[in-house]
Amino acid sequence: MLTLATALSLGLLAASATAQSGTGTLFNFIPGLGACGFTNTSDQFVALVSSKTFHSFPGSGANPNTNPICTHNLTVSFNGKNVSAQIVDLGLDAPDDNVGFSPAAFEQFAPPVQGIVQNVIWTID
């Protein structure tokens, strides 16, 4: 049975988990076996976040496969368009506010050969 204090702390954890957002650069990446333990392909809508964002997510621990961020989506907004993709990986060298989309998701904003889209707004849902 949950105590009131436990229920409130879980609620605060959930609220802080969805509060992460930023403005940065969206880049195109080729997925494979990601930090969340899933193997994905370029035709799936999947995303990665910076190492800092991944490891600072509430509930993150030593095993990246069990990071709660892996159950969330990344929504990117640019020029009035919003696209969501499941977070499956982290970018070890990605600047803190940069995020990545697989080619299928990236091409909703620009051709994958373009490689990057500047000044996107992103939110972890």
Foldseek 3Di string as FASTA:
>chain_A
DDDPVRVVVVVVLVVVLFPDKDWWKEFEDAFAQAQLRDGDGLQAWEKAAAPVNQQPRPPHDDRSVPRPLQVWWKWKDDPHDIFIHGYRHHDDPDPHNYMYTRQNRVVVPNHNVVGMDHTIMMTID
